[in-house]
Amino acid sequence: MMRRPGPPPRYRPERVAELIRRTVAEFLTGGVRDPRVGFVTVTAVEVSGDLAHARVRVSVMGTEEEKAKTLAGLGSAARFLRAQLSRELRLRTSPELQFELDRGLEHAQRIDAALKQLKDGAG
């Protein structure tokens, strides 16, 4: 009896995203040797349906210059992290990592400060 191929499991990109998030976070807490990489938090990971690409969103503390240096450092570490991921994930190909700044927290802090200022001014 032949089994019909069904649709690929939907949870897989999410599971891979979570493994990437964990691996990158571990790297950031202990494995970073690049002085450019400052205080970084992984906020989200989005993996393409074919698992070929992963967008890693990070929140970085510091000035715009420090943020740019941190992104450059993470970009340099991407190949090392990809090799590490391929060992852990045991996929045919490991996703190509692309790091980008997540400005959501910054934006929320600016809004919070503006609301506080309005409240203090109105009181």
Protein backbone atom coordinates (compact mmCIF):
# COMPACT_ATOMS: atom_id res chain seq x y z
CA MET A 1 0.00 0.00 0.00
CA MET A 2 1.54 3.33 -1.10
CA ARG A 3 1.29 6.30 1.14
CA ARG A 4 0.36 9.57 -0.46
CA PRO A 5 2.69 12.43 0.34
CA GLY A 6 0.75 14.94 2.43
CA PRO A 7 1.49 18.58 2.97
CA PRO A 8 4.71 19.32 4.83
CA PRO A 9 4.22 19.78 8.56
CA ARG A 10 3.39 23.38 9.43
CA TYR A 11 5.21 23.42 12.73
CA ARG A 12 8.61 22.84 11.23
CA PRO A 13 9.63 26.45 10.42
CA GLU A 14 8.48 27.50 13.89
CA ARG A 15 10.45 24.70 15.51
CA VAL A 16 13.54 25.60 13.48
CA ALA A 17 13.04 29.29 14.39
CA GLU A 18 12.96 28.42 18.09
CA LEU A 19 16.14 26.33 17.79
CA ILE A 20 17.86 29.19 15.95
CA ARG A 21 16.73 31.66 18.61
CA ARG A 22 18.09 29.43 21.37
CA THR A 23 21.40 28.77 19.58
CA VAL A 24 22.01 32.47 18.81
CA ALA A 25 21.08 33.45 22.38
CA GLU A 26 23.54 30.88 23.80
CA PHE A 27 26.23 32.18 21.44
CA LEU A 28 25.56 35.75 22.59
CA THR A 29 25.80 34.85 26.27
CA GLY A 30 29.01 32.87 26.08
CA GLY A 31 30.57 32.39 22.68
CA VAL A 32 31.05 35.92 21.35
CA ARG A 33 34.66 36.89 20.92
CA ASP A 34 33.98 39.83 18.61
CA PRO A 35 34.46 43.11 20.52
CA ARG A 36 31.97 44.82 18.19
CA VAL A 37 29.08 42.76 19.56
CA GLY A 38 27.63 44.65 22.53
CA PHE A 39 24.56 43.94 24.63
CA VAL A 40 22.18 42.09 22.32
CA THR A 41 18.82 40.41 22.86
CA VAL A 42 17.24 38.13 20.25
CA THR A 43 13.64 39.32 19.99
CA ALA A 44 12.35 37.14 17.15
CA VAL A 45 13.36 34.69 14.44
CA GLU A 46 11.40 34.22 11.22
CA VAL A 47 12.25 31.25 9.03
CA SER A 48 11.17 30.95 5.39
CA GLY A 49 8.88 28.07 4.46
CA ASP A 50 11.69 26.26 2.61
CA LEU A 51 13.97 26.72 5.68
CA ALA A 52 16.64 28.34 3.49
CA HIS A 53 16.61 31.77 5.16
CA ALA A 54 16.18 33.02 8.69
CA ARG A 55 15.69 36.62 9.71
CA VAL A 56 17.00 37.13 13.23
CA ARG A 57 15.66 40.30 14.85
CA VAL A 58 17.80 41.71 17.62
CA SER A 59 17.48 44.53 20.10
CA VAL A 60 20.78 46.29 20.73
CA MET A 61 21.57 48.78 23.50
CA GLY A 62 23.75 51.77 22.69
CA THR A 63 24.21 54.54 20.17
CA GLU A 64 23.41 54.19 16.47
CA GLU A 65 27.14 53.69 15.83
CA GLU A 66 27.34 50.91 18.42
CA LYS A 67 24.25 49.28 16.95
CA ALA A 68 25.79 49.35 13.47
CA LYS A 69 29.03 47.80 14.80
CA THR A 70 27.07 45.10 16.61
CA LEU A 71 25.15 44.23 13.44
CA ALA A 72 28.44 44.04 11.53
CA GLY A 73 29.85 41.73 14.21
CA LEU A 74 26.77 39.51 14.08
CA GLY A 75 27.02 39.43 10.29
CA SER A 76 30.60 38.21 10.62
CA ALA A 77 29.49 35.51 13.06
CA ALA A 78 26.63 34.35 10.81
CA ARG A 79 28.72 31.67 9.03
CA PHE A 80 29.99 30.26 12.31
CA LEU A 81 26.44 30.21 13.70
CA ARG A 82 25.12 28.58 10.53
CA ALA A 83 27.71 25.78 10.86
CA GLN A 84 26.75 25.33 14.50
CA LEU A 85 23.08 25.18 13.54
CA SER A 86 23.69 22.57 10.85
CA ARG A 87 25.27 20.30 13.47
CA GLU A 88 22.36 20.78 15.88
CA LEU A 89 19.45 20.75 13.42
CA ARG A 90 20.65 17.95 11.16
CA LEU A 91 18.96 19.56 8.14
CA ARG A 92 20.06 19.07 4.57
CA THR A 93 20.91 22.76 4.47
CA SER A 94 21.07 25.13 7.38
CA PRO A 95 19.23 28.45 6.99
CA GLU A 96 21.21 31.49 5.92
CA LEU A 97 21.08 33.96 8.82
CA GLN A 98 20.29 37.62 8.31
CA PHE A 99 20.44 39.91 11.35
CA GLU A 100 18.39 43.08 11.60
CA LEU A 101 17.57 45.58 14.30
CA ASP A 102 14.25 45.31 16.06
CA ARG A 103 13.33 48.85 16.98
CA GLY A 104 10.04 47.89 18.65
CA LEU A 105 11.36 48.29 22.20
CA GLU A 106 12.97 51.64 21.34
CA HIS A 107 9.72 52.81 19.77
CA ALA A 108 7.71 51.73 22.83
CA GLN A 109 10.11 53.57 25.15
CA ARG A 110 9.79 56.77 23.09
CA ILE A 111 5.99 56.56 23.17
CA ASP A 112 6.06 55.89 26.92
CA ALA A 113 8.32 58.91 27.51
CA ALA A 114 6.10 61.14 25.35
CA LEU A 115 2.94 60.01 27.20
CA LYS A 116 4.63 60.60 30.56
CA GLN A 117 5.69 64.07 29.44
CA LEU A 118 2.12 64.86 28.34
CA LYS A 119 0.71 63.57 31.62
CA ASP A 120 3.24 65.58 33.69
CA GLY A 121 2.56 68.71 31.64
CA ALA A 122 -1.23 68.36 31.92
CA GLY A 123 -1.16 67.76 35.73
